[in-house]
Amino acid sequence: MTQTASAPAPTPRPTHNASPKAPTTSQRPQTPLSRRAGPARAPLPTPTVLRLVAVLAVVVALVCGLVGWEAGRRQANALDQVSTSAERLLAAQEVRNQMVAADAVVTNGFLVGGLEPASSREEYARLIDGAAQGLGRLSFPDKDDTERVARATAALTNYVALVEQARSANRQGLPVGIGYLDQASAELRQTLLPELDALVESGADHAADDFDQVANAPWLLMLVLLGLGVLVTVQAWDSRRTHRIVNTGLAGASLALLVVLTTGVALIQVDGSAQDVRTGSYRSTLALSQAVSQAYDAQALESLTLIKQGSGGGYELAFATATVEVERQLTRVSDLNASTGSYGLADQFEAWLVNHRQIREKDDAGDWNAAVELALANGPYSSRAAFRTFVEAATDKAESYRTKTTEGLDSARTKANGGAWVAMAAGLVAAPLAWWGLAQRREEYQ
C-alpha cells in the first residue's frame, strides 16, 4: 500500500498592519567611541609650550619695567609740580607780606605827624614796588586765580592813590588826611588782602593735590611681586619638565625684577621724603610767612588805634585777632615749641605784646601822648625794637625753611627720575634673559 506525502504547510502572508519587531538594545550596532567624542587632540609639542611660556615671561618682564618707569616718571613730575605750586603760593604770600608791611610803615608815619622821615618814605616805596612787581610775576593756571591777580592789581593801584592823598593832606596838617588813610585801610583789608588770601589758599590747594600725587609706588610693588611670582612659577614648571634644578636665564630675569622691586621700595621712600618736606620745612615756611604777615597787620592796626584817638576800638579787636593768628601759626612750625621758644620767636613776639599792652594802658588812661611816644620809641627795649627783632628772626627762619623745602623736593625728584630709568633698564635686561633661558631648553628638544 502506497502512502502519499503530505504537502508543505503554506507560509502565512504578512499583514500590512503588522510592524516589524524593533531590535533589542543588545542587537543595536555599537557606535565607535572615537566617532562619538570626536578626534582626540594631540598635546602641544614641548618646544611650542616652551616658546609660549617664554613669551609670557618676556611680557611680564617688560610690563614690570614699563610700570616702574612710569611710576618713577609720574612721581618726578608730581614733585616738579609741587615745587611750582609751592613757589607760586609763597610768592603770593610774599606780596601780602609786603603790602601789610608797607601799610604798617605808612600808618606809623601818621603818628609822627607832618613830614614823614625819609627812611620811612624809602621803605614804603621799596615795599610797594616789590608788591607791584610780585603781582606782575604771579601766574596761576586757573582762570579764577588770574582774575584775582587782576583785581588785586587794581586794588593796589587804588590803595597807593589813597595813601598819597592821605600823606599829602597830613603834610599840610589837614584832618582830611585821616579820612583818606581810613579809605586806604579799607581798600587794603576789604579788597586787596582778601584777593591775596584767596590766591594763597588756591596755591595751597594745588600744592596739596600735587603732594598727594607723589604717593603712587605701592601698586608698583604689587605688580612686580606678581611678576616675580610668574617667573618663579615658570622656573618650577621648567624644573619639573626638564629635570634641571636651575635655569640660568630665568634666574637672571628674576634678579632683574628684584631690582625693579627695590626701585619700588625706593619710590615709597621718595614719597616718605616728600611727605616729610610737606609736614616739615614746607609747612614751617608757610606758617612763619603767615605769622610775619599777621604781625605786620597787627602793627598797622596798633597805629590806627592810636591815630583814631579813642575811637579805634574796632582796630583793637582786629589787632587781637591778628596776634592770636600769629601765635597759632608759630605752633605749626615743625621744630619750634610755642611755650619754650626754641629759636626765641615765641618769646620775641611776646616781648612785643608786652610793649603793646603798655601802650594801651597809657592810651586807655587818657595819656595819648605818652602812648604815642612808646609806640615811636627806637630804644633797645622799645616796642619797635621788639617788633623788628621778631620779624627779622621769623623772616630769616622762614627763608631757611624755604631753602630746605627746595633742596628736599629737588633731591626727591632726582631719586624718582633715577628710579624710573633703573626700573626700565632692569625690565629690558630681564626680558632677553628669560627668553634666552627658555630658548636653551627648546634647543634640547630639537
Protein backbone atom coordinates (compact mmCIF):
# COMPACT_ATOMS: atom_id res chain seq x y z
CA MET A 1 0.00 0.00 0.00
CA THR A 2 1.46 3.20 -1.08
CA GLN A 3 1.45 6.35 1.23
CA THR A 4 1.15 9.80 -0.32
CA ALA A 5 3.42 12.59 1.11
CA SER A 6 1.56 15.49 2.57
CA ALA A 7 2.05 18.95 1.03
CA PRO A 8 4.05 21.53 3.00
CA ALA A 9 2.10 23.96 5.07
CA PRO A 10 1.54 27.28 3.36
CA THR A 11 3.62 30.22 4.55
CA PRO A 12 1.43 32.78 6.27
CA ARG A 13 1.09 36.06 4.42
CA PRO A 14 2.32 39.07 6.27
CA THR A 15 -0.31 41.59 7.05
CA HIS A 16 0.24 45.22 6.08
CA ASN A 17 -0.72 46.44 9.54
CA ALA A 18 1.91 44.49 11.42
CA SER A 19 5.04 46.44 12.24
CA PRO A 20 8.47 44.81 12.31
CA LYS A 21 9.75 43.98 15.72
CA ALA A 22 12.27 46.55 16.96
CA PRO A 23 15.67 45.11 17.73
CA THR A 24 16.67 44.98 21.35
CA THR A 25 19.42 47.07 22.80
CA SER A 26 21.80 44.20 22.62
CA GLN A 27 21.04 43.80 18.95
CA ARG A 28 21.76 47.51 18.03
CA PRO A 29 25.07 48.20 16.32
CA GLN A 30 27.52 49.97 18.64
CA THR A 31 28.89 53.41 17.53
CA PRO A 32 32.68 53.62 17.99
CA LEU A 33 33.72 55.88 20.88
CA SER A 34 36.11 57.79 18.65
CA ARG A 35 33.23 58.77 16.37
CA ARG A 36 31.01 59.90 19.27
CA ALA A 37 33.57 62.05 21.14
CA GLY A 38 35.38 63.43 18.13
CA PRO A 39 39.09 63.01 17.43
CA ALA A 40 41.37 63.32 20.49
CA ARG A 41 43.64 66.42 20.44
CA ALA A 42 47.30 65.73 20.45
CA PRO A 43 49.26 67.56 23.17
CA LEU A 44 51.30 70.57 22.09
CA PRO A 45 54.91 69.77 21.38
CA THR A 46 57.22 70.70 24.21
CA PRO A 47 59.17 73.26 22.10
CA THR A 48 55.90 75.06 21.33
CA VAL A 49 54.94 75.12 25.00
CA LEU A 50 58.39 76.45 25.89
CA ARG A 51 58.04 79.18 23.30
CA LEU A 52 54.65 80.25 24.69
CA VAL A 53 55.99 80.27 28.23
CA ALA A 54 58.97 82.33 27.07
CA VAL A 55 56.63 84.90 25.50
CA LEU A 56 54.73 85.12 28.80
CA ALA A 57 57.95 85.65 30.78
CA VAL A 58 59.16 88.32 28.37
CA VAL A 59 55.84 90.19 28.53
CA VAL A 60 55.86 90.07 32.34
CA ALA A 61 59.41 91.44 32.49
CA LEU A 62 58.70 94.26 30.05
CA VAL A 63 55.45 95.23 31.79
CA CYS A 64 57.20 95.39 35.17
CA GLY A 65 59.96 97.57 33.71
CA LEU A 66 57.50 99.89 31.96
CA VAL A 67 55.33 100.24 35.04
CA GLY A 68 58.39 101.04 37.15
CA TRP A 69 59.49 103.68 34.66
CA GLU A 70 56.01 105.20 34.51
CA ALA A 71 55.67 105.25 38.30
CA GLY A 72 59.01 106.99 38.75
CA ARG A 73 58.29 109.44 35.94
CA ARG A 74 54.89 110.37 37.35
CA GLN A 75 56.36 110.76 40.80
CA ALA A 76 59.09 113.05 39.46
CA ASN A 77 56.51 115.12 37.55
CA ALA A 78 54.35 115.39 40.66
CA LEU A 79 57.34 116.61 42.66
CA ASP A 80 58.09 119.15 39.95
CA GLN A 81 54.50 120.38 40.18
CA VAL A 82 54.81 120.55 43.97
CA SER A 83 57.84 122.82 43.61
CA THR A 84 55.99 125.05 41.16
CA SER A 85 52.86 125.22 43.31
CA ALA A 86 54.86 125.89 46.48
CA GLU A 87 56.82 128.71 44.85
CA ARG A 88 53.63 130.23 43.45
CA LEU A 89 51.99 130.04 46.87
CA LEU A 90 54.95 131.58 48.68
CA ALA A 91 55.21 134.31 46.03
CA ALA A 92 51.58 135.29 46.66
CA GLN A 93 52.20 135.22 50.40
CA GLU A 94 55.27 137.44 49.93
CA VAL A 95 53.14 140.03 48.10
CA ARG A 96 50.74 140.01 51.02
CA ASN A 97 53.60 140.45 53.47
CA GLN A 98 54.96 143.41 51.54
CA MET A 99 51.56 145.09 51.42
CA VAL A 100 50.86 144.82 55.15
CA ALA A 101 54.44 145.88 55.89
CA ALA A 102 54.00 148.95 53.68
CA ASP A 103 50.72 149.72 55.42
CA ALA A 104 52.41 149.46 58.81
CA VAL A 105 55.13 151.88 57.68
CA VAL A 106 52.69 154.48 56.39
CA THR A 107 50.38 154.31 59.41
CA ASN A 108 53.34 154.66 61.77
CA GLY A 109 54.32 157.73 59.77
CA PHE A 110 50.98 159.31 60.57
CA LEU A 111 51.77 159.05 64.26
CA VAL A 112 54.82 161.25 63.70
CA GLY A 113 52.70 163.94 62.06
CA GLY A 114 53.74 166.34 59.33
CA LEU A 115 56.60 165.26 57.08
CA GLU A 116 57.48 161.59 57.43
CA PRO A 117 61.10 160.54 57.97
CA ALA A 118 62.98 159.92 54.73
CA SER A 119 63.77 156.36 55.81
CA SER A 120 60.05 155.61 56.18
CA ARG A 121 59.23 157.01 52.75
CA GLU A 122 62.01 154.95 51.18
CA GLU A 123 60.91 151.80 52.98
CA TYR A 124 57.30 152.32 51.89
CA ALA A 125 58.32 152.90 48.27
CA ARG A 126 60.52 149.75 48.30
CA LEU A 127 57.74 147.59 49.69
CA ILE A 128 55.08 148.89 47.31
CA ASP A 129 57.40 148.44 44.35
CA GLY A 130 58.17 144.89 45.45
CA ALA A 131 54.47 144.07 45.84
CA ALA A 132 53.64 145.51 42.41
CA GLN A 133 56.44 143.54 40.74
CA GLY A 134 55.46 140.39 42.64
CA LEU A 135 51.87 140.69 41.44
CA GLY A 136 53.10 141.14 37.89
CA ARG A 137 55.10 137.91 38.11
CA LEU A 138 52.28 135.83 39.59
CA SER A 139 50.99 133.23 37.15
CA PHE A 140 48.25 130.78 38.11
CA PRO A 141 46.83 128.01 35.90
CA ASP A 142 43.20 128.69 36.81
CA LYS A 143 41.17 131.47 35.18
CA ASP A 144 39.66 132.44 38.54
CA ASP A 145 43.10 132.98 40.01
CA THR A 146 44.17 135.05 37.02
CA GLU A 147 41.14 137.26 37.58
CA ARG A 148 42.04 137.56 41.27
CA VAL A 149 45.50 138.79 40.30
CA ALA A 150 43.91 141.42 38.07
CA ARG A 151 41.56 142.59 40.84
CA ALA A 152 44.42 142.66 43.35
CA THR A 153 46.48 144.78 40.96
CA ALA A 154 43.62 147.26 40.58
CA ALA A 155 43.14 147.37 44.36
CA LEU A 156 46.87 148.02 44.83
CA THR A 157 46.66 150.97 42.44
CA ASN A 158 43.69 152.39 44.34
CA TYR A 159 45.43 151.87 47.68
CA VAL A 160 48.55 153.71 46.57
CA ALA A 161 46.48 156.63 45.24
CA LEU A 162 44.56 156.93 48.52
CA VAL A 163 47.75 156.77 50.58
CA GLU A 164 49.31 159.54 48.52
CA GLN A 165 46.27 161.74 49.09
CA ALA A 166 46.39 160.95 52.82
CA ARG A 167 50.12 161.73 53.07
CA SER A 168 49.75 164.95 51.13
CA ALA A 169 46.97 166.14 53.45
CA ASN A 170 48.91 165.01 56.53
CA ARG A 171 51.97 167.01 55.49
CA GLN A 172 49.75 170.08 55.38
CA GLY A 173 48.19 169.26 58.74
CA LEU A 174 44.72 168.76 57.23
CA PRO A 175 42.38 166.43 59.16
CA VAL A 176 41.06 165.05 55.88
CA GLY A 177 44.28 163.01 55.67
CA ILE A 178 42.90 160.64 58.31
CA GLY A 179 39.84 160.07 56.15
CA TYR A 180 41.95 159.16 53.16
CA LEU A 181 44.00 156.85 55.38
CA ASP A 182 40.81 155.14 56.53
CA GLN A 183 39.78 154.66 52.91
CA ALA A 184 43.21 153.23 52.06
CA SER A 185 42.98 150.86 55.02
CA ALA A 186 39.52 149.73 53.90
CA GLU A 187 40.76 149.17 50.33
CA LEU A 188 43.63 147.09 51.68
CA ARG A 189 41.67 144.96 54.14
CA GLN A 190 38.39 144.62 52.29
CA THR A 191 39.61 144.18 48.72
CA LEU A 192 43.34 143.66 48.26
CA LEU A 193 44.13 141.32 51.16
CA PRO A 194 41.08 139.06 50.57
CA GLU A 195 42.16 138.61 46.94
CA LEU A 196 45.71 137.78 48.03
CA ASP A 197 44.42 135.40 50.70
CA ALA A 198 42.31 133.64 48.06
CA LEU A 199 45.42 133.27 45.87
CA VAL A 200 47.36 131.84 48.82
CA GLU A 201 44.55 129.39 49.58
CA SER A 202 44.32 128.34 45.94
CA GLY A 203 48.07 127.82 45.82
CA ALA A 204 47.91 125.74 48.99
CA ASP A 205 45.17 123.56 47.47
CA HIS A 206 47.20 122.99 44.30
CA ALA A 207 50.29 122.12 46.36
CA ALA A 208 48.28 119.68 48.50
CA ASP A 209 46.91 117.94 45.40
CA ASP A 210 50.41 117.68 43.93
CA PHE A 211 51.79 116.24 47.15
CA ASP A 212 49.03 113.61 47.09
CA GLN A 213 50.04 112.59 43.55
CA VAL A 214 53.53 111.66 44.74
CA ALA A 215 52.26 108.54 46.58
CA ASN A 216 51.99 106.15 43.61
CA ALA A 217 54.56 103.42 44.34
CA PRO A 218 52.68 100.75 46.38
CA TRP A 219 50.77 99.46 43.36
CA LEU A 220 54.08 99.12 41.54
CA LEU A 221 55.32 96.83 44.29
CA MET A 222 52.21 94.64 43.98
CA LEU A 223 52.64 94.33 40.22
CA VAL A 224 56.35 93.49 40.49
CA LEU A 225 55.61 90.90 43.17
CA LEU A 226 53.07 89.36 40.78
CA GLY A 227 55.69 89.36 38.02
CA LEU A 228 58.20 87.65 40.30
CA GLY A 229 55.55 85.07 41.16
CA VAL A 230 55.05 84.35 37.45
CA LEU A 231 58.78 83.86 36.87
CA VAL A 232 59.14 81.61 39.92
CA THR A 233 56.20 79.52 38.67
CA VAL A 234 57.82 79.28 35.24
CA GLN A 235 61.08 78.15 36.80
CA ALA A 236 59.31 75.47 38.86
CA TRP A 237 57.47 74.26 35.76
CA ASP A 238 60.70 74.22 33.76
CA SER A 239 62.47 72.28 36.50
CA ARG A 240 59.79 69.56 36.53
CA ARG A 241 59.66 69.40 32.75
CA THR A 242 63.38 69.29 32.04
CA HIS A 243 64.65 67.82 35.34
CA ARG A 244 67.02 70.76 35.68
CA ILE A 245 67.20 72.49 39.03
CA VAL A 246 68.23 75.99 37.87
CA ASN A 247 67.57 77.84 34.64
CA THR A 248 70.30 80.46 34.44
CA GLY A 249 68.35 82.83 32.20
CA LEU A 250 65.18 82.73 34.29
CA ALA A 251 67.20 83.16 37.48
CA GLY A 252 68.89 86.23 35.99
CA ALA A 253 65.50 87.63 34.92
CA SER A 254 64.18 87.12 38.45
CA LEU A 255 67.15 89.00 39.87
CA ALA A 256 66.48 91.84 37.42
CA LEU A 257 62.86 92.04 38.62
CA LEU A 258 64.17 92.12 42.17
CA VAL A 259 65.95 95.30 41.11
CA VAL A 260 62.60 96.68 39.92
CA LEU A 261 61.12 95.68 43.26
CA THR A 262 63.92 97.52 45.03
CA THR A 263 63.15 100.55 42.87
CA GLY A 264 59.54 100.38 44.05
CA VAL A 265 60.72 100.39 47.66
CA ALA A 266 62.91 103.39 46.84
CA LEU A 267 59.92 105.22 45.34
CA ILE A 268 57.99 104.62 48.55
CA GLN A 269 60.91 106.18 50.41
CA VAL A 270 60.80 109.10 47.98
CA ASP A 271 57.14 109.58 48.84
CA GLY A 272 58.08 109.45 52.53
CA SER A 273 60.74 112.12 51.96
CA ALA A 274 58.22 114.31 50.12
CA GLN A 275 55.72 113.95 52.94
CA ASP A 276 58.45 114.84 55.45
CA VAL A 277 59.07 118.02 53.47
CA ARG A 278 55.34 118.67 53.38
CA THR A 279 54.85 118.36 57.14
CA GLY A 280 58.22 119.84 57.99
CA SER A 281 60.03 122.61 56.15
CA TYR A 282 57.22 123.42 53.68
CA ARG A 283 54.57 123.82 56.37
CA SER A 284 57.01 125.73 58.56
CA THR A 285 57.89 128.12 55.73
CA LEU A 286 54.25 128.92 55.10
CA ALA A 287 53.43 129.19 58.81
CA LEU A 288 56.26 131.63 59.50
CA SER A 289 55.45 133.69 56.43
CA GLN A 290 51.83 133.98 57.53
CA ALA A 291 52.92 134.80 61.09
CA VAL A 292 55.05 137.67 59.80
CA SER A 293 52.17 138.90 57.64
CA GLN A 294 49.75 138.90 60.56
CA ALA A 295 52.34 140.61 62.78
CA TYR A 296 52.74 143.47 60.29
CA ASP A 297 48.98 143.77 60.09
CA ALA A 298 48.81 143.94 63.89
CA GLN A 299 51.44 146.69 63.97
CA ALA A 300 49.47 148.75 61.45
CA LEU A 301 46.28 148.20 63.47
CA GLU A 302 48.07 149.37 66.63
CA SER A 303 48.97 152.62 64.90
CA LEU A 304 45.44 153.05 63.52
CA THR A 305 44.03 152.57 67.02
CA LEU A 306 46.22 155.44 68.27
CA ILE A 307 45.51 157.60 65.24
CA LYS A 308 41.77 157.40 65.90
CA GLN A 309 42.37 158.78 69.44
CA GLY A 310 39.74 156.99 71.47
CA SER A 311 37.52 155.77 68.64
CA GLY A 312 39.68 152.90 67.43
CA GLY A 313 38.04 150.08 69.38
CA GLY A 314 37.35 148.16 66.18
CA TYR A 315 41.00 148.28 65.23
CA GLU A 316 41.98 146.94 68.66
CA LEU A 317 39.65 143.98 68.22
CA ALA A 318 41.21 143.30 64.82
CA PHE A 319 44.63 143.61 66.48
CA ALA A 320 43.70 140.89 68.97
CA THR A 321 42.55 138.60 66.13
CA ALA A 322 45.80 139.14 64.22
CA THR A 323 48.02 138.42 67.24
CA VAL A 324 46.12 135.23 68.05
CA GLU A 325 46.73 134.12 64.47
CA VAL A 326 50.45 134.84 64.83
CA GLU A 327 50.62 132.64 67.91
CA ARG A 328 48.65 129.89 66.16
CA GLN A 329 50.96 129.92 63.17
CA LEU A 330 54.02 129.67 65.40
CA THR A 331 52.64 126.42 66.86
CA ARG A 332 52.59 124.96 63.32
CA VAL A 333 56.33 125.37 62.87
CA SER A 334 57.84 121.89 62.98
CA ASP A 335 60.77 122.37 65.38
CA LEU A 336 59.54 125.33 67.38
CA ASN A 337 57.83 124.94 70.71
CA ALA A 338 55.48 127.82 71.39
CA SER A 339 55.97 127.55 75.16
CA THR A 340 59.77 127.44 75.25
CA GLY A 341 60.57 129.24 72.01
CA SER A 342 63.40 127.02 70.78
CA TYR A 343 64.53 129.76 68.43
CA GLY A 344 63.24 132.61 70.58
CA LEU A 345 60.40 133.53 68.21
CA ALA A 346 57.55 132.98 70.66
CA ASP A 347 59.39 134.89 73.37
CA GLN A 348 60.27 137.70 70.97
CA PHE A 349 56.68 138.09 69.87
CA GLU A 350 55.53 138.08 73.48
CA ALA A 351 58.05 140.83 74.24
CA TRP A 352 56.38 142.99 71.60
CA LEU A 353 52.94 142.21 73.03
CA VAL A 354 54.16 143.35 76.43
CA ASN A 355 55.11 146.71 74.88
CA HIS A 356 51.72 146.89 73.16
CA ARG A 357 49.92 146.37 76.46
CA GLN A 358 51.91 149.22 77.98
CA ILE A 359 50.92 151.46 75.06
CA ARG A 360 47.28 150.55 75.53
CA GLU A 361 47.46 151.21 79.27
CA LYS A 362 48.74 154.73 78.60
CA ASP A 363 46.15 155.42 75.93
CA ASP A 364 43.27 153.96 77.93
CA ALA A 365 44.34 156.08 80.92
CA GLY A 366 43.98 159.19 78.75
CA ASP A 367 47.71 159.82 78.25
CA TRP A 368 47.67 159.66 74.45
CA ASN A 369 50.97 161.49 74.00
CA ALA A 370 52.78 159.01 76.26
CA ALA A 371 51.23 156.12 74.33
CA VAL A 372 52.41 157.55 71.01
CA GLU A 373 55.85 158.16 72.45
CA LEU A 374 56.09 154.50 73.49
CA ALA A 375 54.90 153.38 70.04
CA LEU A 376 57.50 155.52 68.22
CA ALA A 377 60.45 154.87 70.54
CA ASN A 378 63.51 153.21 68.99
CA GLY A 379 65.50 152.19 72.07
CA PRO A 380 66.87 148.66 72.52
CA TYR A 381 63.87 147.59 74.61
CA SER A 382 61.25 149.64 72.78
CA SER A 383 58.17 148.37 71.00
CA ARG A 384 59.71 148.95 67.58
CA ALA A 385 62.92 147.15 68.56
CA ALA A 386 60.98 144.14 69.87
CA PHE A 387 58.86 144.01 66.73
CA ARG A 388 61.88 144.33 64.45
CA THR A 389 63.70 141.56 66.32
CA PHE A 390 60.76 139.19 65.94
CA VAL A 391 60.12 139.95 62.27
CA GLU A 392 63.77 139.66 61.25
CA ALA A 393 64.23 136.38 63.13
CA ALA A 394 61.00 134.90 61.73
CA THR A 395 61.85 136.04 58.19
CA ASP A 396 65.35 134.54 58.38
CA LYS A 397 63.97 131.28 59.71
CA ALA A 398 61.30 131.18 57.02
CA GLU A 399 63.98 131.65 54.36
CA SER A 400 65.98 128.81 55.89
CA TYR A 401 62.95 126.53 55.75
CA ARG A 402 62.26 127.62 52.19
CA THR A 403 65.76 126.56 51.18
CA LYS A 404 65.27 123.20 52.90
CA THR A 405 61.99 122.75 51.07
CA THR A 406 63.58 123.40 47.69
CA GLU A 407 66.52 121.11 48.41
CA GLY A 408 64.28 118.35 49.76
CA LEU A 409 61.96 118.40 46.75
CA ASP A 410 64.89 118.55 44.31
CA SER A 411 66.54 115.55 45.99
CA ALA A 412 63.30 113.54 45.94
CA ARG A 413 62.71 114.40 42.27
CA THR A 414 66.24 113.28 41.34
CA LYS A 415 65.71 109.95 43.12
CA ALA A 416 62.37 109.42 41.40
CA ASN A 417 63.86 110.08 37.97
CA GLY A 418 66.77 107.76 38.72
CA GLY A 419 64.40 105.04 39.93
CA ALA A 420 62.35 105.31 36.75
CA TRP A 421 65.35 104.66 34.50
CA VAL A 422 66.69 101.87 36.72
CA ALA A 423 63.32 100.09 36.59
CA MET A 424 63.15 100.43 32.83
CA ALA A 425 66.73 99.13 32.40
CA ALA A 426 66.05 96.17 34.71
CA GLY A 427 62.92 95.25 32.77
CA LEU A 428 64.82 95.42 29.48
CA VAL A 429 67.51 93.16 30.92
CA ALA A 430 65.03 90.66 32.39
CA ALA A 431 63.15 90.15 29.11
CA PRO A 432 66.03 88.78 26.97
CA LEU A 433 67.37 86.75 29.89
CA ALA A 434 64.00 84.99 30.27
CA TRP A 435 63.82 84.34 26.51
CA TRP A 436 67.40 83.04 26.40
CA GLY A 437 66.89 80.75 29.38
CA LEU A 438 63.89 79.02 27.80
CA ALA A 439 65.46 79.04 24.33
CA GLN A 440 68.20 76.77 25.67
CA ARG A 441 65.56 74.27 26.73
CA ARG A 442 63.90 74.39 23.32
CA GLU A 443 67.19 73.58 21.63
CA GLU A 444 67.44 70.41 23.71
CA TYR A 445 64.18 69.13 22.15
CA GLN A 446 65.13 69.93 18.57
